[in-house]
Structure formats: C-alpha cells, structure tokens
C-alpha atoms as a PDB file:
ATOM      1  CA  UNK A   1      -4.098 -66.843  57.523  1.00  0.00           C
ATOM      2  CA  UNK A   2      -6.979 -64.594  58.644  1.00  0.00           C
ATOM      3  CA  UNK A   3      -8.760 -65.203  61.907  1.00  0.00           C
ATOM      4  CA  UNK A   4     -12.495 -64.901  62.370  1.00  0.00           C
ATOM      5  CA  UNK A   5     -13.737 -62.645  65.188  1.00  0.00           C
ATOM      6  CA  UNK A   6     -14.870 -65.701  67.162  1.00  0.00           C
ATOM      7  CA  UNK A   7     -11.795 -67.850  66.621  1.00  0.00           C
ATOM      8  CA  UNK A   8     -11.069 -70.013  69.693  1.00  0.00           C
ATOM      9  CA  UNK A   9      -7.330 -69.667  68.990  1.00  0.00           C
ATOM     10  CA  UNK A  10      -7.300 -65.907  69.530  1.00  0.00           C
ATOM     11  CA  UNK A  11      -5.483 -64.866  72.706  1.00  0.00           C
ATOM     12  CA  UNK A  12      -7.554 -63.073  75.301  1.00  0.00           C
ATOM     13  CA  UNK A  13      -6.592 -59.554  76.336  1.00  0.00           C
ATOM     14  CA  UNK A  14      -7.866 -60.170  79.867  1.00  0.00           C
ATOM     15  CA  UNK A  15      -7.180 -63.132  82.134  1.00  0.00           C
ATOM     16  CA  UNK A  16      -9.865 -65.766  82.396  1.00  0.00           C
ATOM     17  CA  UNK A  17     -12.291 -65.503  85.318  1.00  0.00           C
ATOM     18  CA  UNK A  18     -13.437 -69.095  85.432  1.00  0.00           C
ATOM     19  CA  UNK A  19     -15.845 -69.066  82.493  1.00  0.00           C
ATOM     20  CA  UNK A  20     -17.291 -65.583  83.035  1.00  0.00           C
ATOM     21  CA  UNK A  21     -16.082 -62.959  80.565  1.00  0.00           C
ATOM     22  CA  UNK A  22     -14.057 -60.122  82.004  1.00  0.00           C
ATOM     23  CA  UNK A  23     -15.662 -56.720  81.579  1.00  0.00           C
ATOM     24  CA  UNK A  24     -13.503 -53.640  81.606  1.00  0.00           C
ATOM     25  CA  UNK A  25     -15.386 -50.326  81.611  1.00  0.00           C
ATOM     26  CA  UNK A  26     -14.354 -47.609  79.184  1.00  0.00           C
ATOM     27  CA  UNK A  27     -12.206 -44.882  80.668  1.00  0.00           C
ATOM     28  CA  UNK A  28     -14.235 -42.842  83.132  1.00  0.00           C
ATOM     29  CA  UNK A  29     -17.267 -45.113  82.798  1.00  0.00           C
ATOM     30  CA  UNK A  30     -18.748 -46.947  85.727  1.00  0.00           C
ATOM     31  CA  UNK A  31     -21.659 -49.283  86.165  1.00  0.00           C
ATOM     32  CA  UNK A  32     -24.304 -48.263  88.673  1.00  0.00           C
ATOM     33  CA  UNK A  33     -27.494 -50.309  88.945  1.00  0.00           C
ATOM     34  CA  UNK A  34     -30.645 -48.195  88.883  1.00  0.00           C
ATOM     35  CA  UNK A  35     -32.442 -50.099  91.609  1.00  0.00           C
ATOM     36  CA  UNK A  36     -30.943 -50.515  95.067  1.00  0.00           C
ATOM     37  CA  UNK A  37     -31.122 -54.307  95.065  1.00  0.00           C
ATOM     38  CA  UNK A  38     -27.644 -55.843  94.571  1.00  0.00           C
ATOM     39  CA  UNK A  39     -29.240 -59.066  93.326  1.00  0.00           C
ATOM     40  CA  UNK A  40     -30.811 -57.215  90.372  1.00  0.00           C
ATOM     41  CA  UNK A  41     -28.100 -58.463  88.017  1.00  0.00           C
ATOM     42  CA  UNK A  42     -29.159 -62.046  88.804  1.00  0.00           C
ATOM     43  CA  UNK A  43     -32.778 -61.463  87.777  1.00  0.00           C
ATOM     44  CA  UNK A  44     -34.356 -62.029  84.379  1.00  0.00           C
ATOM     45  CA  UNK A  45     -34.036 -58.525  82.960  1.00  0.00           C
ATOM     46  CA  UNK A  46     -35.566 -57.001  79.851  1.00  0.00           C
ATOM     47  CA  UNK A  47     -33.909 -53.777  78.708  1.00  0.00           C
ATOM     48  CA  UNK A  48     -35.715 -51.756  76.050  1.00  0.00           C
ATOM     49  CA  UNK A  49     -32.891 -49.532  74.823  1.00  0.00           C
ATOM     50  CA  UNK A  50     -32.970 -45.959  73.580  1.00  0.00           C
ATOM     51  CA  UNK A  51     -34.603 -45.657  70.190  1.00  0.00           C
ATOM     52  CA  UNK A  52     -36.371 -49.023  70.586  1.00  0.00           C
ATOM     53  CA  UNK A  53     -40.171 -49.329  70.696  1.00  0.00           C
ATOM     54  CA  UNK A  54     -41.902 -52.376  72.134  1.00  0.00           C
ATOM     55  CA  UNK A  55     -45.628 -52.991  71.918  1.00  0.00           C
ATOM     56  CA  UNK A  56     -47.473 -55.990  73.317  1.00  0.00           C
ATOM     57  CA  UNK A  57     -47.206 -58.363  76.237  1.00  0.00           C
ATOM     58  CA  UNK A  58     -44.114 -58.924  78.357  1.00  0.00           C
ATOM     59  CA  UNK A  59     -44.028 -62.155  80.354  1.00  0.00           C
ATOM     60  CA  UNK A  60     -41.560 -63.674  82.796  1.00  0.00           C
ATOM     61  CA  UNK A  61     -39.367 -60.575  83.129  1.00  0.00           C
ATOM     62  CA  UNK A  62     -38.494 -59.940  86.747  1.00  0.00           C
ATOM     63  CA  UNK A  63     -36.904 -56.597  85.992  1.00  0.00           C
ATOM     64  CA  UNK A  64     -37.947 -54.205  83.233  1.00  0.00           C
ATOM     65  CA  UNK A  65     -35.679 -51.318  82.262  1.00  0.00           C
ATOM     66  CA  UNK A  66     -37.229 -48.812  79.844  1.00  0.00           C
ATOM     67  CA  UNK A  67     -34.870 -46.491  78.013  1.00  0.00           C
ATOM     68  CA  UNK A  68     -36.960 -46.382  74.822  1.00  0.00           C
ATOM     69  CA  UNK A  69     -40.754 -46.746  74.493  1.00  0.00           C
ATOM     70  CA  UNK A  70     -42.972 -49.552  75.793  1.00  0.00           C
ATOM     71  CA  UNK A  71     -46.716 -49.836  75.195  1.00  0.00           C
ATOM     72  CA  UNK A  72     -48.329 -52.735  77.040  1.00  0.00           C
ATOM     73  CA  UNK A  73     -51.727 -53.714  78.372  1.00  0.00           C
ATOM     74  CA  UNK A  74     -50.512 -55.424  81.559  1.00  0.00           C
ATOM     75  CA  UNK A  75     -47.053 -56.265  82.782  1.00  0.00           C
ATOM     76  CA  UNK A  76     -46.259 -57.937  86.081  1.00  0.00           C
ATOM     77  CA  UNK A  77     -42.648 -57.823  87.229  1.00  0.00           C
ATOM     78  CA  UNK A  78     -40.628 -57.309  90.386  1.00  0.00           C
ATOM     79  CA  UNK A  79     -38.864 -54.076  89.412  1.00  0.00           C
ATOM     80  CA  UNK A  80     -39.529 -51.319  86.898  1.00  0.00           C
ATOM     81  CA  UNK A  81     -36.984 -48.684  86.009  1.00  0.00           C
ATOM     82  CA  UNK A  82     -37.860 -45.976  83.508  1.00  0.00           C
ATOM     83  CA  UNK A  83     -34.721 -44.086  82.558  1.00  0.00           C
ATOM     84  CA  UNK A  84     -34.606 -40.414  81.625  1.00  0.00           C
ATOM     85  CA  UNK A  85     -35.981 -40.255  78.073  1.00  0.00           C
ATOM     86  CA  UNK A  86     -37.838 -43.569  78.500  1.00  0.00           C
ATOM     87  CA  UNK A  87     -41.621 -43.774  78.058  1.00  0.00           C
ATOM     88  CA  UNK A  88     -44.012 -46.443  79.343  1.00  0.00           C
ATOM     89  CA  UNK A  89     -47.663 -46.385  78.244  1.00  0.00           C
ATOM     90  CA  UNK A  90     -50.145 -48.844  79.657  1.00  0.00           C
ATOM     91  CA  UNK A  91     -50.581 -50.803  82.858  1.00  0.00           C
ATOM     92  CA  UNK A  92     -47.856 -52.288  85.051  1.00  0.00           C
ATOM     93  CA  UNK A  93     -47.801 -53.983  88.446  1.00  0.00           C
ATOM     94  CA  UNK A  94     -44.464 -54.299  90.269  1.00  0.00           C
ATOM     95  CA  UNK A  95     -42.933 -54.452  93.728  1.00  0.00           C
ATOM     96  CA  UNK A  96     -40.693 -51.404  93.227  1.00  0.00           C
ATOM     97  CA  UNK A  97     -40.663 -48.684  90.577  1.00  0.00           C
ATOM     98  CA  UNK A  98     -38.243 -45.895  89.792  1.00  0.00           C
ATOM     99  CA  UNK A  99     -39.340 -43.291  87.246  1.00  0.00           C
ATOM    100  CA  UNK A 100     -36.875 -40.853  85.697  1.00  0.00           C
ATOM    101  CA  UNK A 101     -38.744 -40.783  82.376  1.00  0.00           C
ATOM    102  CA  UNK A 102     -42.494 -40.825  81.698  1.00  0.00           C
ATOM    103  CA  UNK A 103     -45.173 -43.319  82.654  1.00  0.00           C
ATOM    104  CA  UNK A 104     -48.617 -42.743  81.175  1.00  0.00           C
ATOM    105  CA  UNK A 105     -51.289 -45.131  82.431  1.00  0.00           C
ATOM    106  CA  UNK A 106     -51.686 -47.188  85.581  1.00  0.00           C
ATOM    107  CA  UNK A 107     -48.789 -48.112  87.831  1.00  0.00           C
ATOM    108  CA  UNK A 108     -49.135 -50.279  90.906  1.00  0.00           C
ATOM    109  CA  UNK A 109     -45.997 -50.476  93.038  1.00  0.00           C
ATOM    110  CA  UNK A 110     -46.814 -52.820  95.913  1.00  0.00           C
ATOM    111  CA  UNK A 111     -43.817 -51.553  97.879  1.00  0.00           C
ATOM    112  CA  UNK A 112     -42.232 -48.273  96.761  1.00  0.00           C
ATOM    113  CA  UNK A 113     -42.436 -45.712  93.986  1.00  0.00           C
ATOM    114  CA  UNK A 114     -39.605 -43.252  93.433  1.00  0.00           C
ATOM    115  CA  UNK A 115     -40.186 -40.364  91.033  1.00  0.00           C
ATOM    116  CA  UNK A 116     -36.850 -38.806  90.132  1.00  0.00           C
ATOM    117  CA  UNK A 117     -36.384 -35.088  89.350  1.00  0.00           C
ATOM    118  CA  UNK A 118     -36.826 -35.773  85.608  1.00  0.00           C
ATOM    119  CA  UNK A 119     -39.715 -38.215  86.114  1.00  0.00           C
ATOM    120  CA  UNK A 120     -43.376 -37.720  85.232  1.00  0.00           C
ATOM    121  CA  UNK A 121     -46.257 -39.940  86.275  1.00  0.00           C
ATOM    122  CA  UNK A 122     -49.459 -39.386  84.281  1.00  0.00           C
ATOM    123  CA  UNK A 123     -52.618 -41.307  85.164  1.00  0.00           C
ATOM    124  CA  UNK A 124     -53.051 -43.488  88.231  1.00  0.00           C
ATOM    125  CA  UNK A 125     -50.296 -44.576  90.591  1.00  0.00           C
ATOM    126  CA  UNK A 126     -50.807 -46.921  93.530  1.00  0.00           C
ATOM    127  CA  UNK A 127     -48.018 -47.484  96.041  1.00  0.00           C
ATOM    128  CA  UNK A 128     -47.233 -48.211  99.677  1.00  0.00           C
ATOM    129  CA  UNK A 129     -44.295 -45.751  99.886  1.00  0.00           C
ATOM    130  CA  UNK A 130     -43.856 -42.672  97.713  1.00  0.00           C
ATOM    131  CA  UNK A 131     -40.767 -40.539  97.191  1.00  0.00           C
ATOM    132  CA  UNK A 132     -40.792 -37.600  94.790  1.00  0.00           C
ATOM    133  CA  UNK A 133     -37.594 -35.678  94.162  1.00  0.00           C
ATOM    134  CA  UNK A 134     -37.706 -31.915  93.660  1.00  0.00           C
ATOM    135  CA  UNK A 135     -38.807 -31.447  90.045  1.00  0.00           C
ATOM    136  CA  UNK A 136     -40.597 -34.789  89.748  1.00  0.00           C
ATOM    137  CA  UNK A 137     -44.194 -34.520  88.529  1.00  0.00           C
ATOM    138  CA  UNK A 138     -47.356 -36.461  89.261  1.00  0.00           C
ATOM    139  CA  UNK A 139     -50.430 -35.595  87.231  1.00  0.00           C
ATOM    140  CA  UNK A 140     -53.504 -37.670  87.918  1.00  0.00           C
ATOM    141  CA  UNK A 141     -54.414 -39.858  90.845  1.00  0.00           C
ATOM    142  CA  UNK A 142     -52.307 -41.296  93.673  1.00  0.00           C
ATOM    143  CA  UNK A 143     -53.658 -44.125  95.826  1.00  0.00           C
ATOM    144  CA  UNK A 144     -51.685 -45.164  98.876  1.00  0.00           C
ATOM    145  CA  UNK A 145     -51.762 -48.893  99.560  1.00  0.00           C
ATOM    146  CA  UNK A 146     -52.371 -49.762 103.199  1.00  0.00           C
ATOM    147  CA  UNK A 147     -52.699 -53.131 104.933  1.00  0.00           C
ATOM    148  CA  UNK A 148     -56.501 -52.969 104.568  1.00  0.00           C
ATOM    149  CA  UNK A 149     -56.533 -52.408 100.790  1.00  0.00           C
ATOM    150  CA  UNK A 150     -53.312 -54.181  99.736  1.00  0.00           C
ATOM    151  CA  UNK A 151     -55.188 -56.681  97.586  1.00  0.00           C
ATOM    152  CA  UNK A 152     -58.014 -54.383  96.528  1.00  0.00           C
ATOM    153  CA  UNK A 153     -58.085 -52.698  93.177  1.00  0.00           C
ATOM    154  CA  UNK A 154     -59.814 -49.536  92.128  1.00  0.00           C
ATOM    155  CA  UNK A 155     -63.196 -49.792  90.399  1.00  0.00           C
ATOM    156  CA  UNK A 156     -63.237 -46.430  88.618  1.00  0.00           C
END
C-alpha cells in the first residue's frame, strides 16, 4: 500500500510542538532575520524571491522582502528589506529600510535607512536616520526628515 506525501498516518520525524511544525535547518545553515525587530516573523510578510518579478500594487504587507525584482507605483509598509541581488523600482514609504540590493525611485523611511556595502540607492531617499556602510552608494537626492518636515513631502 503506497502512502501519499500528505498522509495523516505517516510518522513524523520530529516531535510535535503543539501544532506548529518543527523546522530543522540544513547542516551549517542558520536563520537570521534581516531587520533587527524580533517581532518581524509575526508580521504580514511578502517575500519576492530570487528570479521572481512582481509588477503592480502591494497592499496590506507589513514587511516586504525583495530578493528578485519589484516594480510598483506606491507601496506603504512597515519594513523594507532589499537583499543583495534584489531590485526595487518605484515609490515606497516605510518606517525602516535596509538596502543591500538596488532601489531606483523614491524611498521614504520615516525612521531609519541602512545602505549595506552592496546596496545602491538611485533617485530620492528621505529618512530620519541614515547609515551607509563602506561601499554603499547613494546617487541622487537625500532629504533628512526632521520634526518640522516629518509630514511634508517634496514638491519637485
């Protein structure tokens, strides 16, 4: 008698964890969240994986992770993480952003923007705090958000 891959009678290789599946990393692999917030795993997260292209409108995602390519007119989220090799084209407004890939367009990070050594920001970036690692590139315009202009937008 052959079993299907989803047979409820199949024994589990790992002990049950009260309804949550057990995850065992591959040898030598470890999970490290990109953003510093430990609650990030609890948020509604959209991951655009390597080799995937997404074009259009993204709604209701609290956390956007770009490993592939995203083209969007306006995205509002809490966190944006562009991985090395990832490309974002368009306009995005977030609380925190971390760029290790490329962003081409307009980025507003109401709190902090981190440009990693492999990151490139092309266009306009607005942020309250800016950190650029050695090797990170910013080409275009940087606007620092202060208490007086926190709600103001540029009229270029």
